[in-house]
Every structure is written in structure tokens, then in C-alpha cells.
Amino acid sequence: MTVIQWKYTYGLQLPDSPPEQFRANTQLAPGSEPISSSRVRYWHRLQRVWLQPSSWVTSQTWSTDWLTMPIAKTLNWFDNYFKDLIQRG
């Protein structure tokens, strides 16, 4: 789950078949099923609980991106604008 959660965030349905990054962390015991079938079985279990809110931990962090991102974009625009003027000039 810790690998997959960055690609498929909360609220997104998981695909039918497990992606390549998904690995079942199982140890083979004598007489146990092959890792490939364990991987699919674990994937189907994950699909069942993925959309349940109780499966997720929420947190809130303070972010100033809403303020700093527009300023950075504006400064970048000015920088590119004046570089373009100098090159044409």
C-alpha cells in the first residue's frame, strides 16, 4: 500500500490487475501457493478496502504554496520576458 498510494490516491479506483510496482511481501512456505497468485489475491483484497475511509489516515499541514507559487511564476515570467527583450535587442 505504501508504494501504490502515491500513484492511486484516495478516491481513485484501482485497476483490475495489479501494476508492476505492486509486490506481495510473502515468504514461500512448503506447500504454499506461488508468489504470482498471492500477488493477485493481495491485490483483490487491497481493492476491497482501498475506497474505505477507515483505510486512510488524514493529516493537515500548513502550506504557503497558494501564496508563493503565483509570486514565483510572476518572477519567472519577468525573467523570461527581459531575457527575450535583450536577445532581440
N, C-alpha and C. Protein backbone atom coordinates (compact mmCIF):
# COMPACT_ATOMS: atom_id res chain seq x y z
N MET A 1 0.82 -1.20 0.00
CA MET A 1 0.00 0.00 0.00
C MET A 1 0.87 1.26 0.00
N THR A 2 2.02 1.21 0.66
CA THR A 2 2.84 2.41 0.74
C THR A 2 3.44 2.78 -0.61
N VAL A 3 3.58 1.83 -1.52
CA VAL A 3 4.10 2.14 -2.85
C VAL A 3 2.97 2.61 -3.76
N ILE A 4 1.85 1.97 -3.69
CA ILE A 4 0.73 2.24 -4.59
C ILE A 4 0.02 3.54 -4.25
N GLN A 5 0.00 3.95 -2.99
CA GLN A 5 -0.78 5.11 -2.60
C GLN A 5 -0.33 6.41 -3.27
N TRP A 6 0.89 6.47 -3.75
CA TRP A 6 1.37 7.69 -4.41
C TRP A 6 0.89 7.77 -5.85
N LYS A 7 0.56 6.63 -6.43
CA LYS A 7 0.07 6.62 -7.80
C LYS A 7 -1.46 6.66 -7.84
N TYR A 8 -2.09 5.93 -6.94
CA TYR A 8 -3.55 5.87 -6.88
C TYR A 8 -3.97 6.46 -5.54
N THR A 9 -4.30 7.72 -5.54
CA THR A 9 -4.63 8.40 -4.30
C THR A 9 -6.05 8.07 -3.84
N TYR A 10 -6.39 8.57 -2.68
CA TYR A 10 -7.71 8.32 -2.09
C TYR A 10 -8.80 8.78 -3.06
N GLY A 11 -9.78 7.93 -3.25
CA GLY A 11 -10.91 8.25 -4.10
C GLY A 11 -10.77 7.70 -5.51
N LEU A 12 -9.58 7.30 -5.91
CA LEU A 12 -9.38 6.71 -7.23
C LEU A 12 -9.52 5.20 -7.15
N GLN A 13 -10.27 4.65 -8.07
CA GLN A 13 -10.46 3.20 -8.11
C GLN A 13 -9.19 2.53 -8.64
N LEU A 14 -8.83 1.42 -8.05
CA LEU A 14 -7.65 0.68 -8.50
C LEU A 14 -7.99 -0.10 -9.77
N PRO A 15 -7.00 -0.29 -10.65
CA PRO A 15 -7.26 -1.09 -11.86
C PRO A 15 -7.51 -2.55 -11.51
N ASP A 16 -8.06 -3.28 -12.46
CA ASP A 16 -8.39 -4.70 -12.24
C ASP A 16 -7.17 -5.56 -11.97
N SER A 17 -6.10 -5.32 -12.70
CA SER A 17 -4.90 -6.13 -12.49
C SER A 17 -3.83 -5.30 -11.77
N PRO A 18 -3.02 -5.95 -10.95
CA PRO A 18 -2.02 -5.21 -10.19
C PRO A 18 -0.94 -4.62 -11.08
N PRO A 19 -0.53 -3.37 -10.79
CA PRO A 19 0.55 -2.78 -11.57
C PRO A 19 1.88 -3.46 -11.25
N GLU A 20 2.84 -3.23 -12.08
CA GLU A 20 4.14 -3.88 -11.94
C GLU A 20 4.81 -3.57 -10.60
N GLN A 21 4.58 -2.35 -10.06
CA GLN A 21 5.22 -1.95 -8.80
C GLN A 21 4.67 -2.69 -7.58
N PHE A 22 3.47 -3.25 -7.72
CA PHE A 22 2.83 -3.91 -6.58
C PHE A 22 3.45 -5.28 -6.36
N ARG A 23 3.98 -5.45 -5.17
CA ARG A 23 4.61 -6.73 -4.80
C ARG A 23 3.99 -7.22 -3.50
N ALA A 24 3.64 -8.49 -3.47
CA ALA A 24 3.16 -9.10 -2.23
C ALA A 24 4.37 -9.54 -1.44
N ASN A 25 4.48 -9.07 -0.23
CA ASN A 25 5.62 -9.41 0.61
C ASN A 25 5.32 -10.69 1.37
N THR A 26 5.49 -11.79 0.69
CA THR A 26 5.19 -13.08 1.31
C THR A 26 6.42 -13.97 1.24
N GLN A 27 6.50 -14.86 2.17
CA GLN A 27 7.57 -15.85 2.16
C GLN A 27 6.94 -17.19 1.80
N LEU A 28 7.59 -17.87 0.90
CA LEU A 28 7.04 -19.17 0.49
C LEU A 28 7.28 -20.21 1.56
N ALA A 29 6.22 -20.84 1.95
CA ALA A 29 6.30 -21.95 2.89
C ALA A 29 6.07 -23.22 2.08
N PRO A 30 6.56 -24.34 2.56
CA PRO A 30 6.32 -25.59 1.82
C PRO A 30 4.83 -25.81 1.59
N GLY A 31 4.48 -26.06 0.35
CA GLY A 31 3.08 -26.31 0.00
C GLY A 31 2.26 -25.06 -0.20
N SER A 32 2.86 -23.88 -0.16
CA SER A 32 2.08 -22.65 -0.34
C SER A 32 1.92 -22.34 -1.83
N GLU A 33 1.04 -21.41 -2.10
CA GLU A 33 0.78 -21.05 -3.49
C GLU A 33 1.92 -20.19 -4.04
N PRO A 34 2.08 -20.14 -5.35
CA PRO A 34 3.15 -19.33 -5.95
C PRO A 34 2.96 -17.84 -5.67
N ILE A 35 4.04 -17.10 -5.74
CA ILE A 35 4.00 -15.66 -5.44
C ILE A 35 3.06 -14.93 -6.39
N SER A 36 2.99 -15.32 -7.65
CA SER A 36 2.13 -14.62 -8.61
C SER A 36 0.67 -14.69 -8.20
N SER A 37 0.20 -15.84 -7.73
CA SER A 37 -1.20 -15.92 -7.30
C SER A 37 -1.41 -15.20 -5.97
N SER A 38 -0.41 -15.19 -5.11
CA SER A 38 -0.50 -14.42 -3.86
C SER A 38 -0.60 -12.93 -4.17
N ARG A 39 0.16 -12.49 -5.15
CA ARG A 39 0.16 -11.08 -5.55
C ARG A 39 -1.23 -10.66 -6.02
N VAL A 40 -1.86 -11.48 -6.84
CA VAL A 40 -3.20 -11.18 -7.34
C VAL A 40 -4.21 -11.21 -6.20
N ARG A 41 -4.08 -12.21 -5.32
CA ARG A 41 -5.01 -12.30 -4.19
C ARG A 41 -4.89 -11.08 -3.29
N TYR A 42 -3.67 -10.64 -2.97
CA TYR A 42 -3.48 -9.45 -2.15
C TYR A 42 -4.00 -8.19 -2.86
N TRP A 43 -3.84 -8.14 -4.17
CA TRP A 43 -4.34 -7.00 -4.93
C TRP A 43 -5.86 -6.90 -4.82
N HIS A 44 -6.55 -8.05 -4.94
CA HIS A 44 -8.01 -8.04 -4.82
C HIS A 44 -8.45 -7.65 -3.41
N ARG A 45 -7.71 -8.05 -2.41
CA ARG A 45 -8.03 -7.61 -1.05
C ARG A 45 -7.84 -6.10 -0.91
N LEU A 46 -6.76 -5.59 -1.49
CA LEU A 46 -6.50 -4.16 -1.44
C LEU A 46 -7.60 -3.38 -2.15
N GLN A 47 -8.08 -3.91 -3.27
CA GLN A 47 -9.17 -3.25 -3.99
C GLN A 47 -10.42 -3.12 -3.11
N ARG A 48 -10.68 -4.12 -2.29
CA ARG A 48 -11.88 -4.10 -1.43
C ARG A 48 -11.81 -3.01 -0.37
N VAL A 49 -10.62 -2.74 0.14
CA VAL A 49 -10.51 -1.77 1.24
C VAL A 49 -10.03 -0.40 0.79
N TRP A 50 -9.62 -0.26 -0.44
CA TRP A 50 -8.99 0.97 -0.93
C TRP A 50 -9.89 2.20 -0.77
N LEU A 51 -11.15 2.08 -1.09
CA LEU A 51 -12.06 3.22 -1.06
C LEU A 51 -12.71 3.45 0.30
N GLN A 52 -12.42 2.60 1.27
CA GLN A 52 -13.00 2.78 2.60
C GLN A 52 -12.23 3.87 3.35
N PRO A 53 -12.93 4.88 3.86
CA PRO A 53 -12.26 5.96 4.58
C PRO A 53 -11.44 5.46 5.78
N SER A 54 -11.86 4.37 6.39
CA SER A 54 -11.14 3.86 7.56
C SER A 54 -9.75 3.31 7.20
N SER A 55 -9.50 3.08 5.91
CA SER A 55 -8.20 2.58 5.47
C SER A 55 -7.16 3.68 5.33
N TRP A 56 -7.60 4.91 5.42
CA TRP A 56 -6.72 6.05 5.18
C TRP A 56 -6.53 6.88 6.44
N VAL A 57 -5.36 7.45 6.56
CA VAL A 57 -5.06 8.37 7.65
C VAL A 57 -4.99 9.77 7.05
N THR A 58 -5.75 10.69 7.60
CA THR A 58 -5.73 12.04 7.07
C THR A 58 -4.86 12.92 7.96
N SER A 59 -4.25 13.88 7.33
CA SER A 59 -3.45 14.85 8.09
C SER A 59 -3.55 16.19 7.40
N GLN A 60 -3.33 17.23 8.17
CA GLN A 60 -3.37 18.57 7.63
C GLN A 60 -2.04 19.24 7.91
N THR A 61 -1.51 19.90 6.92
CA THR A 61 -0.25 20.63 7.09
C THR A 61 -0.44 22.04 6.56
N TRP A 62 0.27 22.96 7.17
CA TRP A 62 0.21 24.34 6.73
C TRP A 62 1.07 24.48 5.48
N SER A 63 0.52 25.10 4.48
CA SER A 63 1.24 25.29 3.23
C SER A 63 1.07 26.73 2.76
N THR A 64 2.15 27.32 2.31
CA THR A 64 2.09 28.67 1.76
C THR A 64 2.21 28.64 0.24
N ASP A 65 2.05 27.47 -0.35
CA ASP A 65 2.15 27.35 -1.81
C ASP A 65 1.15 28.25 -2.53
N TRP A 66 -0.01 28.44 -1.95
CA TRP A 66 -1.02 29.28 -2.58
C TRP A 66 -0.52 30.71 -2.73
N LEU A 67 0.43 31.11 -1.89
CA LEU A 67 0.98 32.46 -1.95
C LEU A 67 2.29 32.51 -2.74
N THR A 68 3.17 31.56 -2.49
CA THR A 68 4.49 31.61 -3.10
C THR A 68 4.51 31.18 -4.56
N MET A 69 3.64 30.27 -4.95
CA MET A 69 3.64 29.79 -6.34
C MET A 69 3.30 30.91 -7.34
N PRO A 70 2.25 31.72 -7.12
CA PRO A 70 1.98 32.80 -8.07
C PRO A 70 3.13 33.82 -8.13
N ILE A 71 3.75 34.10 -7.00
CA ILE A 71 4.88 35.04 -6.99
C ILE A 71 6.04 34.47 -7.79
N ALA A 72 6.34 33.19 -7.59
CA ALA A 72 7.44 32.55 -8.32
C ALA A 72 7.15 32.54 -9.82
N LYS A 73 5.90 32.25 -10.20
CA LYS A 73 5.54 32.24 -11.62
C LYS A 73 5.67 33.63 -12.22
N THR A 74 5.27 34.65 -11.48
CA THR A 74 5.38 36.02 -11.97
C THR A 74 6.83 36.42 -12.14
N LEU A 75 7.66 36.11 -11.17
CA LEU A 75 9.09 36.43 -11.27
C LEU A 75 9.73 35.69 -12.45
N ASN A 76 9.34 34.45 -12.65
CA ASN A 76 9.85 33.67 -13.77
C ASN A 76 9.42 34.29 -15.10
N TRP A 77 8.17 34.76 -15.16
CA TRP A 77 7.69 35.41 -16.37
C TRP A 77 8.50 36.66 -16.68
N PHE A 78 8.73 37.52 -15.66
CA PHE A 78 9.53 38.72 -15.85
C PHE A 78 10.95 38.37 -16.32
N ASP A 79 11.53 37.38 -15.72
CA ASP A 79 12.88 36.96 -16.08
C ASP A 79 12.93 36.55 -17.55
N ASN A 80 11.99 35.72 -17.97
CA ASN A 80 11.94 35.27 -19.37
C ASN A 80 11.64 36.44 -20.32
N TYR A 81 10.77 37.34 -19.92
CA TYR A 81 10.41 38.48 -20.74
C TYR A 81 11.62 39.37 -21.01
N PHE A 82 12.38 39.70 -19.97
CA PHE A 82 13.54 40.58 -20.14
C PHE A 82 14.69 39.88 -20.87
N LYS A 83 14.85 38.59 -20.66
CA LYS A 83 15.85 37.84 -21.42
C LYS A 83 15.51 37.87 -22.91
N ASP A 84 14.23 37.72 -23.22
CA ASP A 84 13.78 37.76 -24.59
C ASP A 84 14.01 39.14 -25.21
N LEU A 85 13.75 40.22 -24.44
CA LEU A 85 13.99 41.57 -24.93
C LEU A 85 15.47 41.80 -25.23
N ILE A 86 16.32 41.34 -24.36
CA ILE A 86 17.76 41.52 -24.53
C ILE A 86 18.25 40.76 -25.77
N GLN A 87 17.75 39.54 -25.97
CA GLN A 87 18.17 38.74 -27.12
C GLN A 87 17.70 39.36 -28.43
N ARG A 88 16.54 39.99 -28.43
CA ARG A 88 16.02 40.63 -29.64
C ARG A 88 16.73 41.96 -29.90
N GLY A 89 17.09 42.62 -28.79
CA GLY A 89 17.59 43.98 -28.83
C GLY A 89 18.83 44.19 -29.56
